[in-house]
Amino acid sequence: MQIELNAMTRERLEQSLAGKPGQFKMFYDTEDCGCNGVLVIQVVSEPSPTDIVFQTEPFTFLCDRQQELLFDDVMRLEAEAGYPAYKLTSDSTLFGSNIRVQDARS
């Protein structure tokens, strides 16, 4: 898998790290949502045992191996101008808009 990022998205993701080490985990949160899940981007300190790293530049992106099939090979993550959210798309799918970054580092 690969995530394409534009300049504004790279800048916002860098701000999300706040100068501390971290990795971005693509995660469908199904806890208490009553649906198929809500896509969130978690900032984590390290991968969990079931995570796979699928991209390392310009940031490290990972996802749980059980959720890998939910994503396409090439996707675009775009920061929303004037709003603290992102949109994830591919050529064939809108994975989500209004995607938030959650800092899950300890």
Protein backbone atom coordinates (compact mmCIF):
# COMPACT_ATOMS: atom_id res chain seq x y z
CA MET A 1 0.00 0.00 0.00
CA GLN A 2 1.02 3.58 -0.56
CA ILE A 3 -0.41 6.91 0.60
CA GLU A 4 0.21 10.00 -1.52
CA LEU A 5 0.45 13.28 0.41
CA ASN A 6 0.36 16.86 -0.83
CA ALA A 7 2.40 19.64 0.79
CA MET A 8 -0.38 20.86 3.09
CA THR A 9 -1.05 17.32 4.30
CA ARG A 10 2.64 16.72 5.04
CA GLU A 11 2.76 19.97 7.02
CA ARG A 12 -0.33 19.09 9.07
CA LEU A 13 0.90 15.58 9.81
CA GLU A 14 4.23 17.03 10.93
CA GLN A 15 2.32 19.34 13.29
CA SER A 16 0.45 16.32 14.66
CA LEU A 17 3.77 14.80 15.71
CA ALA A 18 4.54 17.98 17.72
CA GLY A 19 8.28 17.42 17.45
CA LYS A 20 8.08 13.97 19.09
CA PRO A 21 8.68 10.57 17.49
CA GLY A 22 5.58 8.82 16.24
CA GLN A 23 4.02 6.74 13.50
CA PHE A 24 0.64 7.08 11.82
CA LYS A 25 -1.71 4.12 12.11
CA MET A 26 -4.68 3.85 9.77
CA PHE A 27 -7.40 2.34 11.94
CA TYR A 28 -11.09 1.54 11.58
CA ASP A 29 -12.49 2.17 15.06
CA THR A 30 -15.54 -0.02 15.66
CA GLU A 31 -15.79 0.62 19.41
CA ASP A 32 -19.29 1.86 20.35
CA CYS A 33 -20.09 3.11 16.85
CA GLY A 34 -22.82 0.65 15.83
CA CYS A 35 -21.52 0.58 12.26
CA ASN A 36 -18.72 -0.89 10.15
CA GLY A 37 -16.24 1.46 11.76
CA VAL A 38 -15.00 5.01 11.60
CA LEU A 39 -11.62 5.62 10.01
CA VAL A 40 -9.19 7.45 12.26
CA ILE A 41 -5.48 8.12 12.05
CA GLN A 42 -3.77 7.34 15.31
CA VAL A 43 -0.34 8.66 16.24
CA VAL A 44 1.39 5.77 18.01
CA SER A 45 4.82 5.37 19.57
CA GLU A 46 5.39 1.93 18.12
CA PRO A 47 3.50 -0.72 16.17
CA SER A 48 1.44 -3.29 18.01
CA PRO A 49 2.33 -6.97 17.39
CA THR A 50 -0.34 -7.32 14.69
CA ASP A 51 0.56 -4.12 12.80
CA ILE A 52 2.33 -4.00 9.45
CA VAL A 53 4.39 -1.08 8.19
CA PHE A 54 3.33 -0.22 4.65
CA GLN A 55 5.12 3.08 4.06
CA THR A 56 8.14 4.79 5.62
CA GLU A 57 8.57 8.06 3.73
CA PRO A 58 7.94 10.89 4.42
CA PHE A 59 6.23 9.39 7.49
CA THR A 60 5.82 5.85 8.74
CA PHE A 61 2.31 4.53 8.12
CA LEU A 62 1.00 1.26 9.46
CA CYS A 63 -2.22 -0.66 9.89
CA ASP A 64 -3.37 -3.84 11.56
CA ARG A 65 -2.85 -6.81 9.25
CA GLN A 66 -6.53 -7.75 9.70
CA GLN A 67 -7.60 -4.34 8.36
CA GLU A 68 -5.13 -4.26 5.44
CA LEU A 69 -7.75 -5.62 3.02
CA LEU A 70 -9.99 -2.61 3.72
CA PHE A 71 -7.55 -0.31 1.90
CA ASP A 72 -6.45 0.05 -1.74
CA ASP A 73 -2.91 -0.24 -3.08
CA VAL A 74 -2.59 3.50 -3.80
CA MET A 75 -4.51 6.12 -1.82
CA ARG A 76 -4.44 9.90 -1.37
CA LEU A 77 -4.64 11.60 2.02
CA GLU A 78 -5.64 15.26 1.78
CA ALA A 79 -5.86 17.79 4.60
CA GLU A 80 -9.03 19.86 4.58
CA ALA A 81 -8.26 23.57 4.20
CA GLY A 82 -9.35 25.57 7.23
CA TYR A 83 -10.54 22.49 9.12
CA PRO A 84 -8.59 19.98 11.28
CA ALA A 85 -9.62 16.90 9.28
CA TYR A 86 -8.48 14.78 6.34
CA LYS A 87 -10.03 12.95 3.40
CA LEU A 88 -8.73 9.54 2.22
CA THR A 89 -9.49 8.52 -1.36
CA SER A 90 -8.27 6.23 -4.11
CA ASP A 91 -9.15 6.14 -7.80
CA SER A 92 -12.20 4.03 -6.99
CA THR A 93 -13.17 4.78 -3.38
CA LEU A 94 -13.82 7.49 -0.83
CA PHE A 95 -12.64 5.84 2.39
CA GLY A 96 -13.69 8.75 4.53
CA SER A 97 -13.88 12.47 4.96
CA ASN A 98 -13.71 14.32 8.23
CA ILE A 99 -10.98 11.87 9.35
CA ARG A 100 -9.35 13.01 12.57
CA VAL A 101 -5.89 12.40 13.99
CA GLN A 102 -5.85 11.00 17.51
CA ASP A 103 -2.63 11.05 19.51
CA ALA A 104 -2.45 7.62 21.16
CA ARG A 105 1.17 7.92 22.32
CA SER A 106 1.81 7.31 26.00
